[in-house]
Amino acid sequence: MDEQSQLLEAATDFAHYPGSHSDHSATQFLNRFPLPLIINALQTQFDVPGLESTLVQCLQRLFKTKLGASLIPQYMPFVQVGLQADSQAVRSLACKTVTCLLKNLDNSHTVAAHLIKEFNIYSLLLDCLINGNEDVAAAAINAIKKLASFPEGMDIVFPSTKGGDTDLGIIASQCSSLV
């Protein structure tokens, strides 16, 4: 069996495992299939039926583990790319990954805020909220709400200087009513 088939099979098993994954099971999975290999497959293997949805589900489960969440800061460039992806499933995954990052930094809100600013994540989340499908928008709003739940994040969501492409007042004034 080739590596791609092995990855698809293992990712399917990981994604559909009943219950939560432990850090031990996440470590075993990542020892067999390192995160760069999974991300590369997600970015390049468009022609393999079911691979994208399986890898998205697998990564969602992986990032919910303490180990998986601890890896997110090292892979912020990929989160950034994911937030801009053409695939709505990948954009949703990237939004959920930001939420996992914010939930699992052990109250290191300064680090989270720094990463969000450094990689321009907030404006990309806003773009996902405005231009994404229903799942992407819901995932983006969850990430934004989590970001706004601590003081350093609140400064990003509601900056003291008004104006700019992330000013919620300006964004709201440009949106049409859905009444």
N, C-alpha and C. Protein backbone atom coordinates (compact mmCIF):
# COMPACT_ATOMS: atom_id res chain seq x y z
N MET A 1 0.85 -1.18 0.00
CA MET A 1 0.00 0.00 0.00
C MET A 1 0.90 1.24 0.00
N ASP A 2 0.60 2.19 -0.88
CA ASP A 2 1.43 3.40 -0.95
C ASP A 2 1.14 4.32 0.23
N GLU A 3 2.04 5.31 0.41
CA GLU A 3 1.96 6.20 1.57
C GLU A 3 0.64 6.98 1.61
N GLN A 4 0.18 7.40 0.43
CA GLN A 4 -1.06 8.17 0.36
C GLN A 4 -2.25 7.32 0.83
N SER A 5 -2.30 6.08 0.42
CA SER A 5 -3.38 5.17 0.84
C SER A 5 -3.29 4.89 2.34
N GLN A 6 -2.06 4.73 2.82
CA GLN A 6 -1.86 4.50 4.26
C GLN A 6 -2.33 5.72 5.06
N LEU A 7 -1.99 6.91 4.56
CA LEU A 7 -2.41 8.14 5.23
C LEU A 7 -3.93 8.24 5.25
N LEU A 8 -4.57 7.97 4.12
CA LEU A 8 -6.03 8.05 4.04
C LEU A 8 -6.68 7.07 5.01
N GLU A 9 -6.16 5.86 5.06
CA GLU A 9 -6.73 4.84 5.96
C GLU A 9 -6.53 5.23 7.43
N ALA A 10 -5.31 5.65 7.78
CA ALA A 10 -5.02 6.02 9.17
C ALA A 10 -5.79 7.28 9.58
N ALA A 11 -5.89 8.25 8.67
CA ALA A 11 -6.63 9.48 8.96
C ALA A 11 -8.12 9.19 9.14
N THR A 12 -8.64 8.27 8.35
CA THR A 12 -10.04 7.86 8.49
C THR A 12 -10.27 7.24 9.86
N ASP A 13 -9.37 6.34 10.24
CA ASP A 13 -9.48 5.70 11.56
C ASP A 13 -9.40 6.73 12.68
N PHE A 14 -8.46 7.66 12.56
CA PHE A 14 -8.27 8.69 13.59
C PHE A 14 -9.50 9.61 13.66
N ALA A 15 -10.01 10.00 12.50
CA ALA A 15 -11.14 10.93 12.45
C ALA A 15 -12.42 10.30 12.99
N HIS A 16 -12.58 9.01 12.79
CA HIS A 16 -13.83 8.35 13.17
C HIS A 16 -13.72 7.53 14.45
N TYR A 17 -12.63 7.69 15.16
CA TYR A 17 -12.47 6.99 16.43
C TYR A 17 -13.54 7.48 17.41
N PRO A 18 -14.27 6.57 18.03
CA PRO A 18 -15.30 7.01 18.97
C PRO A 18 -14.67 7.60 20.24
N GLY A 19 -15.19 8.70 20.67
CA GLY A 19 -14.66 9.33 21.88
C GLY A 19 -13.50 10.26 21.58
N SER A 20 -12.90 10.76 22.63
CA SER A 20 -11.78 11.70 22.51
C SER A 20 -10.47 10.95 22.31
N HIS A 21 -9.54 11.65 21.68
CA HIS A 21 -8.20 11.10 21.54
C HIS A 21 -7.33 11.57 22.70
N SER A 22 -6.41 10.72 23.10
CA SER A 22 -5.43 11.09 24.12
C SER A 22 -4.21 11.66 23.42
N ASP A 23 -3.35 12.29 24.20
CA ASP A 23 -2.08 12.76 23.64
C ASP A 23 -1.25 11.59 23.14
N HIS A 24 -1.39 10.45 23.78
CA HIS A 24 -0.65 9.26 23.37
C HIS A 24 -1.08 8.82 21.96
N SER A 25 -2.38 8.77 21.70
CA SER A 25 -2.84 8.36 20.37
C SER A 25 -2.46 9.41 19.33
N ALA A 26 -2.48 10.69 19.72
CA ALA A 26 -2.06 11.76 18.80
C ALA A 26 -0.57 11.62 18.48
N THR A 27 0.23 11.32 19.49
CA THR A 27 1.67 11.12 19.28
C THR A 27 1.93 9.95 18.35
N GLN A 28 1.23 8.85 18.57
CA GLN A 28 1.40 7.68 17.71
C GLN A 28 1.05 8.02 16.26
N PHE A 29 -0.04 8.74 16.07
CA PHE A 29 -0.45 9.11 14.72
C PHE A 29 0.59 10.02 14.07
N LEU A 30 1.06 11.03 14.82
CA LEU A 30 2.03 11.98 14.27
C LEU A 30 3.41 11.36 14.06
N ASN A 31 3.75 10.34 14.84
CA ASN A 31 5.02 9.64 14.60
C ASN A 31 4.97 8.90 13.28
N ARG A 32 3.80 8.42 12.94
CA ARG A 32 3.63 7.69 11.68
C ARG A 32 3.45 8.64 10.50
N PHE A 33 2.69 9.71 10.74
CA PHE A 33 2.41 10.69 9.69
C PHE A 33 2.64 12.09 10.26
N PRO A 34 3.85 12.63 10.10
CA PRO A 34 4.16 13.96 10.65
C PRO A 34 3.23 15.04 10.07
N LEU A 35 3.01 16.06 10.85
CA LEU A 35 2.10 17.13 10.46
C LEU A 35 2.46 17.76 9.10
N PRO A 36 3.74 18.00 8.78
CA PRO A 36 4.04 18.55 7.46
C PRO A 36 3.58 17.65 6.31
N LEU A 37 3.65 16.34 6.50
CA LEU A 37 3.19 15.40 5.48
C LEU A 37 1.67 15.52 5.30
N ILE A 38 0.95 15.63 6.40
CA ILE A 38 -0.51 15.75 6.34
C ILE A 38 -0.91 17.06 5.67
N ILE A 39 -0.26 18.15 6.07
CA ILE A 39 -0.57 19.46 5.50
C ILE A 39 -0.24 19.47 4.02
N ASN A 40 0.89 18.89 3.63
CA ASN A 40 1.26 18.81 2.22
C ASN A 40 0.21 18.04 1.42
N ALA A 41 -0.25 16.92 1.96
CA ALA A 41 -1.27 16.14 1.27
C ALA A 41 -2.56 16.95 1.13
N LEU A 42 -2.90 17.70 2.14
CA LEU A 42 -4.10 18.53 2.10
C LEU A 42 -3.99 19.62 1.04
N GLN A 43 -2.78 20.14 0.85
CA GLN A 43 -2.56 21.23 -0.11
C GLN A 43 -2.38 20.74 -1.54
N THR A 44 -1.98 19.49 -1.73
CA THR A 44 -1.59 19.06 -3.08
C THR A 44 -2.38 17.91 -3.67
N GLN A 45 -3.05 17.12 -2.87
CA GLN A 45 -3.70 15.90 -3.37
C GLN A 45 -5.19 16.12 -3.64
N PHE A 46 -5.50 17.03 -4.56
CA PHE A 46 -6.89 17.38 -4.84
C PHE A 46 -7.65 16.26 -5.55
N ASP A 47 -6.93 15.41 -6.26
CA ASP A 47 -7.57 14.41 -7.11
C ASP A 47 -7.94 13.12 -6.38
N VAL A 48 -7.60 13.00 -5.12
CA VAL A 48 -7.88 11.78 -4.37
C VAL A 48 -9.26 11.92 -3.71
N PRO A 49 -10.22 11.10 -4.12
CA PRO A 49 -11.58 11.22 -3.57
C PRO A 49 -11.60 11.01 -2.05
N GLY A 50 -12.24 11.94 -1.36
CA GLY A 50 -12.41 11.82 0.08
C GLY A 50 -11.23 12.23 0.92
N LEU A 51 -10.08 12.49 0.30
CA LEU A 51 -8.88 12.80 1.09
C LEU A 51 -9.03 14.12 1.84
N GLU A 52 -9.50 15.16 1.16
CA GLU A 52 -9.61 16.46 1.83
C GLU A 52 -10.54 16.39 3.04
N SER A 53 -11.73 15.85 2.86
CA SER A 53 -12.68 15.82 3.98
C SER A 53 -12.16 14.95 5.12
N THR A 54 -11.49 13.86 4.79
CA THR A 54 -10.93 12.98 5.83
C THR A 54 -9.81 13.67 6.58
N LEU A 55 -8.90 14.33 5.86
CA LEU A 55 -7.79 15.02 6.53
C LEU A 55 -8.29 16.20 7.36
N VAL A 56 -9.31 16.89 6.88
CA VAL A 56 -9.89 17.99 7.65
C VAL A 56 -10.47 17.46 8.96
N GLN A 57 -11.23 16.38 8.89
CA GLN A 57 -11.80 15.78 10.11
C GLN A 57 -10.70 15.29 11.05
N CYS A 58 -9.69 14.67 10.48
CA CYS A 58 -8.57 14.15 11.26
C CYS A 58 -7.84 15.29 11.98
N LEU A 59 -7.54 16.37 11.27
CA LEU A 59 -6.82 17.49 11.87
C LEU A 59 -7.67 18.20 12.92
N GLN A 60 -8.97 18.27 12.70
CA GLN A 60 -9.84 18.86 13.73
C GLN A 60 -9.73 18.07 15.02
N ARG A 61 -9.76 16.75 14.92
CA ARG A 61 -9.65 15.90 16.11
C ARG A 61 -8.26 16.01 16.73
N LEU A 62 -7.24 16.07 15.88
CA LEU A 62 -5.86 16.16 16.35
C LEU A 62 -5.62 17.45 17.14
N PHE A 63 -6.11 18.58 16.60
CA PHE A 63 -5.88 19.87 17.25
C PHE A 63 -6.69 20.05 18.53
N LYS A 64 -7.65 19.18 18.76
CA LYS A 64 -8.40 19.23 20.02
C LYS A 64 -7.65 18.55 21.16
N THR A 65 -6.59 17.81 20.83
CA THR A 65 -5.76 17.22 21.89
C THR A 65 -4.79 18.28 22.39
N LYS A 66 -4.31 18.11 23.59
CA LYS A 66 -3.34 19.04 24.16
C LYS A 66 -2.08 19.07 23.30
N LEU A 67 -1.63 17.88 22.87
CA LEU A 67 -0.44 17.80 22.02
C LEU A 67 -0.66 18.53 20.70
N GLY A 68 -1.77 18.24 20.05
CA GLY A 68 -2.07 18.87 18.76
C GLY A 68 -2.14 20.38 18.88
N ALA A 69 -2.82 20.86 19.91
CA ALA A 69 -2.93 22.31 20.11
C ALA A 69 -1.57 22.94 20.38
N SER A 70 -0.68 22.21 21.04
CA SER A 70 0.65 22.76 21.34
C SER A 70 1.49 22.93 20.08
N LEU A 71 1.12 22.24 19.00
CA LEU A 71 1.86 22.35 17.74
C LEU A 71 1.41 23.53 16.88
N ILE A 72 0.23 24.04 17.15
CA ILE A 72 -0.34 25.09 16.30
C ILE A 72 0.57 26.31 16.16
N PRO A 73 1.18 26.84 17.24
CA PRO A 73 2.03 28.03 17.05
C PRO A 73 3.16 27.83 16.03
N GLN A 74 3.67 26.61 15.92
CA GLN A 74 4.74 26.34 14.96
C GLN A 74 4.23 26.32 13.52
N TYR A 75 2.93 26.15 13.35
CA TYR A 75 2.36 26.00 12.02
C TYR A 75 1.42 27.15 11.65
N MET A 76 1.62 28.31 12.26
CA MET A 76 0.77 29.46 11.98
C MET A 76 0.80 29.88 10.51
N PRO A 77 1.93 29.77 9.79
CA PRO A 77 1.87 30.10 8.36
C PRO A 77 0.87 29.23 7.60
N PHE A 78 0.72 27.98 8.02
CA PHE A 78 -0.24 27.10 7.36
C PHE A 78 -1.67 27.46 7.75
N VAL A 79 -1.86 27.91 8.98
CA VAL A 79 -3.19 28.38 9.41
C VAL A 79 -3.55 29.61 8.57
N GLN A 80 -2.59 30.48 8.40
CA GLN A 80 -2.79 31.70 7.60
C GLN A 80 -3.21 31.34 6.17
N VAL A 81 -2.51 30.39 5.56
CA VAL A 81 -2.84 29.94 4.21
C VAL A 81 -4.23 29.29 4.20
N GLY A 82 -4.51 28.49 5.22
CA GLY A 82 -5.80 27.82 5.31
C GLY A 82 -6.97 28.79 5.38
N LEU A 83 -6.78 29.90 6.08
CA LEU A 83 -7.84 30.91 6.18
C LEU A 83 -8.12 31.58 4.84
N GLN A 84 -7.20 31.45 3.89
CA GLN A 84 -7.36 32.06 2.57
C GLN A 84 -7.62 31.03 1.48
N ALA A 85 -7.78 29.77 1.87
CA ALA A 85 -7.94 28.69 0.89
C ALA A 85 -9.24 28.83 0.10
N ASP A 86 -9.24 28.25 -1.08
CA ASP A 86 -10.46 28.21 -1.89
C ASP A 86 -11.48 27.25 -1.29
N SER A 87 -10.99 26.20 -0.68
CA SER A 87 -11.86 25.18 -0.09
C SER A 87 -12.52 25.69 1.19
N GLN A 88 -13.83 25.62 1.23
CA GLN A 88 -14.56 26.05 2.42
C GLN A 88 -14.25 25.12 3.60
N ALA A 89 -14.04 23.84 3.33
CA ALA A 89 -13.71 22.89 4.41
C ALA A 89 -12.38 23.24 5.05
N VAL A 90 -11.40 23.61 4.23
CA VAL A 90 -10.08 23.98 4.75
C VAL A 90 -10.17 25.30 5.51
N ARG A 91 -10.96 26.24 5.01
CA ARG A 91 -11.13 27.52 5.72
C ARG A 91 -11.78 27.30 7.08
N SER A 92 -12.78 26.43 7.12
CA SER A 92 -13.44 26.11 8.38
C SER A 92 -12.45 25.46 9.35
N LEU A 93 -11.65 24.53 8.84
CA LEU A 93 -10.61 23.89 9.67
C LEU A 93 -9.67 24.94 10.24
N ALA A 94 -9.23 25.88 9.41
CA ALA A 94 -8.29 26.91 9.87
C ALA A 94 -8.92 27.77 10.97
N CYS A 95 -10.20 28.12 10.81
CA CYS A 95 -10.89 28.90 11.85
C CYS A 95 -10.97 28.10 13.15
N LYS A 96 -11.30 26.83 13.04
CA LYS A 96 -11.40 25.97 14.23
C LYS A 96 -10.03 25.77 14.87
N THR A 97 -9.00 25.76 14.05
CA THR A 97 -7.64 25.63 14.57
C THR A 97 -7.27 26.86 15.40
N VAL A 98 -7.68 28.04 14.95
CA VAL A 98 -7.44 29.26 15.73
C VAL A 98 -8.15 29.15 17.08
N THR A 99 -9.38 28.65 17.08
CA THR A 99 -10.11 28.47 18.34
C THR A 99 -9.36 27.51 19.26
N CYS A 100 -8.87 26.40 18.70
CA CYS A 100 -8.09 25.44 19.51
C CYS A 100 -6.85 26.10 20.08
N LEU A 101 -6.18 26.91 19.29
CA LEU A 101 -5.01 27.64 19.77
C LEU A 101 -5.38 28.51 20.97
N LEU A 102 -6.45 29.26 20.84
CA LEU A 102 -6.86 30.19 21.89
C LEU A 102 -7.33 29.47 23.15
N LYS A 103 -7.91 28.30 22.99
CA LYS A 103 -8.40 27.54 24.15
C LYS A 103 -7.29 26.82 24.89
N ASN A 104 -6.21 26.52 24.21
CA ASN A 104 -5.22 25.61 24.78
C ASN A 104 -3.84 26.20 25.02
N LEU A 105 -3.73 27.49 25.11
CA LEU A 105 -2.43 28.09 25.38
C LEU A 105 -2.18 28.26 26.87
N ASP A 106 -2.94 27.57 27.70
CA ASP A 106 -2.76 27.61 29.15
C ASP A 106 -2.68 29.04 29.68
N ASN A 107 -3.66 29.84 29.29
CA ASN A 107 -3.78 31.22 29.76
C ASN A 107 -2.62 32.12 29.34
N SER A 108 -1.87 31.73 28.32
CA SER A 108 -0.81 32.59 27.80
C SER A 108 -1.41 33.49 26.72
N HIS A 109 -2.27 34.39 27.16
CA HIS A 109 -2.98 35.25 26.23
C HIS A 109 -2.06 36.20 25.48
N THR A 110 -0.95 36.57 26.10
CA THR A 110 0.01 37.45 25.43
C THR A 110 0.59 36.75 24.21
N VAL A 111 0.92 35.47 24.34
CA VAL A 111 1.45 34.69 23.21
C VAL A 111 0.39 34.59 22.12
N ALA A 112 -0.83 34.28 22.50
CA ALA A 112 -1.92 34.15 21.52
C ALA A 112 -2.11 35.46 20.76
N ALA A 113 -2.18 36.56 21.48
CA ALA A 113 -2.37 37.86 20.84
C ALA A 113 -1.22 38.18 19.89
N HIS A 114 0.00 37.86 20.31
CA HIS A 114 1.16 38.10 19.46
C HIS A 114 1.05 37.30 18.16
N LEU A 115 0.69 36.02 18.26
CA LEU A 115 0.56 35.18 17.07
C LEU A 115 -0.56 35.69 16.15
N ILE A 116 -1.67 36.08 16.73
CA ILE A 116 -2.80 36.60 15.95
C ILE A 116 -2.38 37.86 15.19
N LYS A 117 -1.64 38.74 15.85
CA LYS A 117 -1.17 39.97 15.20
C LYS A 117 -0.10 39.68 14.16
N GLU A 118 0.90 38.87 14.56
CA GLU A 118 2.04 38.60 13.68
C GLU A 118 1.61 37.99 12.35
N PHE A 119 0.62 37.12 12.39
CA PHE A 119 0.21 36.43 11.17
C PHE A 119 -1.08 37.01 10.56
N ASN A 120 -1.50 38.18 11.04
CA ASN A 120 -2.66 38.88 10.49
C ASN A 120 -3.92 38.00 10.50
N ILE A 121 -4.06 37.21 11.54
CA ILE A 121 -5.13 36.22 11.62
C ILE A 121 -6.50 36.88 11.79
N TYR A 122 -6.58 37.95 12.57
CA TYR A 122 -7.89 38.55 12.83
C TYR A 122 -8.56 39.03 11.55
N SER A 123 -7.82 39.73 10.70
CA SER A 123 -8.45 40.22 9.46
C SER A 123 -8.84 39.05 8.56
N LEU A 124 -8.09 37.96 8.60
CA LEU A 124 -8.45 36.78 7.82
C LEU A 124 -9.70 36.10 8.39
N LEU A 125 -9.84 36.11 9.72
CA LEU A 125 -11.06 35.59 10.34
C LEU A 125 -12.27 36.44 9.92
N LEU A 126 -12.09 37.75 9.89
CA LEU A 126 -13.19 38.62 9.45
C LEU A 126 -13.57 38.31 8.01
N ASP A 127 -12.58 38.09 7.16
CA ASP A 127 -12.86 37.74 5.77
C ASP A 127 -13.64 36.42 5.70
N CYS A 128 -13.26 35.45 6.52
CA CYS A 128 -13.98 34.17 6.57
C CYS A 128 -15.42 34.39 7.04
N LEU A 129 -15.60 35.27 8.00
CA LEU A 129 -16.94 35.57 8.51
C LEU A 129 -17.81 36.18 7.42
N ILE A 130 -17.25 37.11 6.68
CA ILE A 130 -18.01 37.84 5.67
C ILE A 130 -18.19 37.04 4.39
N ASN A 131 -17.14 36.35 3.95
CA ASN A 131 -17.16 35.70 2.63
C ASN A 131 -17.25 34.18 2.66
N GLY A 132 -17.25 33.59 3.83
CA GLY A 132 -17.31 32.13 3.91
C GLY A 132 -18.74 31.62 3.89
N ASN A 133 -18.88 30.32 3.68
CA ASN A 133 -20.21 29.72 3.75
C ASN A 133 -20.65 29.67 5.22
N GLU A 134 -21.80 29.07 5.47
CA GLU A 134 -22.36 29.07 6.83
C GLU A 134 -21.42 28.42 7.84
N ASP A 135 -20.82 27.29 7.48
CA ASP A 135 -19.90 26.60 8.40
C ASP A 135 -18.66 27.43 8.69
N VAL A 136 -18.10 28.03 7.65
CA VAL A 136 -16.91 28.86 7.81
C VAL A 136 -17.22 30.08 8.67
N ALA A 137 -18.35 30.73 8.39
CA ALA A 137 -18.74 31.91 9.16
C ALA A 137 -18.95 31.57 10.63
N ALA A 138 -19.59 30.43 10.89
CA ALA A 138 -19.81 30.01 12.29
C ALA A 138 -18.48 29.73 12.99
N ALA A 139 -17.57 29.06 12.29
CA ALA A 139 -16.25 28.77 12.88
C ALA A 139 -15.47 30.05 13.11
N ALA A 140 -15.58 31.00 12.18
CA ALA A 140 -14.88 32.28 12.32
C ALA A 140 -15.42 33.07 13.50
N ILE A 141 -16.73 33.12 13.65
CA ILE A 141 -17.31 33.88 14.77
C ILE A 141 -16.94 33.24 16.10
N ASN A 142 -16.86 31.92 16.15
CA ASN A 142 -16.43 31.25 17.39
C ASN A 142 -15.00 31.63 17.74
N ALA A 143 -14.13 31.68 16.74
CA ALA A 143 -12.73 32.07 16.99
C ALA A 143 -12.65 33.53 17.44
N ILE A 144 -13.43 34.39 16.81
CA ILE A 144 -13.42 35.81 17.18
C ILE A 144 -13.97 36.00 18.60
N LYS A 145 -15.04 35.29 18.93
CA LYS A 145 -15.59 35.37 20.30
C LYS A 145 -14.56 34.90 21.32
N LYS A 146 -13.85 33.82 21.01
CA LYS A 146 -12.83 33.32 21.94
C LYS A 146 -11.70 34.34 22.07
N LEU A 147 -11.31 34.94 20.95
CA LEU A 147 -10.26 35.97 20.97
C LEU A 147 -10.68 37.15 21.84
N ALA A 148 -11.94 37.54 21.74
CA ALA A 148 -12.43 38.69 22.50
C ALA A 148 -12.67 38.37 23.98
N SER A 149 -12.45 37.13 24.38
CA SER A 149 -12.74 36.74 25.76
C SER A 149 -11.61 37.04 26.74
N PHE A 150 -10.50 37.56 26.25
CA PHE A 150 -9.41 37.95 27.15
C PHE A 150 -8.90 39.34 26.74
N PRO A 151 -8.33 40.09 27.69
CA PRO A 151 -8.00 41.50 27.44
C PRO A 151 -7.12 41.74 26.21
N GLU A 152 -6.08 40.94 26.02
CA GLU A 152 -5.20 41.16 24.87
C GLU A 152 -5.93 40.92 23.55
N GLY A 153 -6.84 39.98 23.56
CA GLY A 153 -7.64 39.71 22.37
C GLY A 153 -8.68 40.79 22.14
N MET A 154 -9.24 41.29 23.22
CA MET A 154 -10.22 42.37 23.13
C MET A 154 -9.58 43.59 22.47
N ASP A 155 -8.30 43.84 22.74
CA ASP A 155 -7.59 44.95 22.11
C ASP A 155 -7.45 44.75 20.60
N ILE A 156 -7.42 43.50 20.15
CA ILE A 156 -7.34 43.22 18.72
C ILE A 156 -8.71 43.41 18.07
N VAL A 157 -9.74 42.86 18.71
CA VAL A 157 -11.09 42.92 18.15
C VAL A 157 -11.65 44.34 18.20
N PHE A 158 -11.39 45.05 19.28
CA PHE A 158 -11.87 46.42 19.46
C PHE A 158 -10.68 47.34 19.73
N PRO A 159 -9.90 47.67 18.68
CA PRO A 159 -8.71 48.50 18.89
C PRO A 159 -9.09 49.91 19.32
N SER A 160 -8.18 50.54 20.04
CA SER A 160 -8.45 51.90 20.53
C SER A 160 -8.46 52.91 19.39
N THR A 161 -7.72 52.64 18.32
CA THR A 161 -7.74 53.54 17.17
C THR A 161 -8.80 53.04 16.19
N LYS A 162 -9.71 53.91 15.84
CA LYS A 162 -10.81 53.55 14.93
C LYS A 162 -10.34 53.67 13.49
N GLY A 163 -11.04 52.97 12.62
CA GLY A 163 -10.72 53.00 11.21
C GLY A 163 -9.92 51.78 10.82
N GLY A 164 -9.75 51.59 9.55
CA GLY A 164 -8.99 50.44 9.08
C GLY A 164 -9.90 49.30 8.66
N ASP A 165 -9.29 48.31 8.08
CA ASP A 165 -10.06 47.21 7.51
C ASP A 165 -10.60 46.22 8.54
N THR A 166 -10.24 46.38 9.81
CA THR A 166 -10.77 45.50 10.85
C THR A 166 -11.70 46.22 11.81
N ASP A 167 -12.07 47.45 11.52
CA ASP A 167 -12.99 48.21 12.37
C ASP A 167 -14.40 47.66 12.14
N LEU A 168 -14.97 47.07 13.18
CA LEU A 168 -16.28 46.43 13.05
C LEU A 168 -17.37 47.42 12.67
N GLY A 169 -17.26 48.66 13.10
CA GLY A 169 -18.24 49.68 12.73
C GLY A 169 -18.24 49.93 11.23
N ILE A 170 -17.06 50.04 10.65
CA ILE A 170 -16.95 50.26 9.21
C ILE A 170 -17.44 49.03 8.45
N ILE A 171 -17.05 47.86 8.91
CA ILE A 171 -17.49 46.62 8.25
C ILE A 171 -19.01 46.51 8.29
N ALA A 172 -19.60 46.78 9.44
CA ALA A 172 -21.06 46.68 9.58
C ALA A 172 -21.77 47.68 8.68
N SER A 173 -21.21 48.87 8.52
CA SER A 173 -21.85 49.88 7.68
C SER A 173 -21.81 49.51 6.20
N GLN A 174 -20.91 48.63 5.82
CA GLN A 174 -20.78 48.21 4.42
C GLN A 174 -21.60 46.96 4.11
N CYS A 175 -22.16 46.34 5.12
CA CYS A 175 -22.93 45.12 4.93
C CYS A 175 -24.40 45.46 4.72
N SER A 176 -25.06 44.63 3.93
CA SER A 176 -26.49 44.83 3.73
C SER A 176 -27.25 44.11 4.83
N SER A 177 -28.44 44.58 5.09
CA SER A 177 -29.29 43.96 6.10
C SER A 177 -29.85 42.65 5.56
N LEU A 178 -29.99 41.67 6.43
CA LEU A 178 -30.56 40.39 6.02
C LEU A 178 -32.00 40.26 6.49
N VAL A 179 -32.66 41.38 6.71
CA VAL A 179 -34.02 41.38 7.24
C VAL A 179 -35.00 40.89 6.21
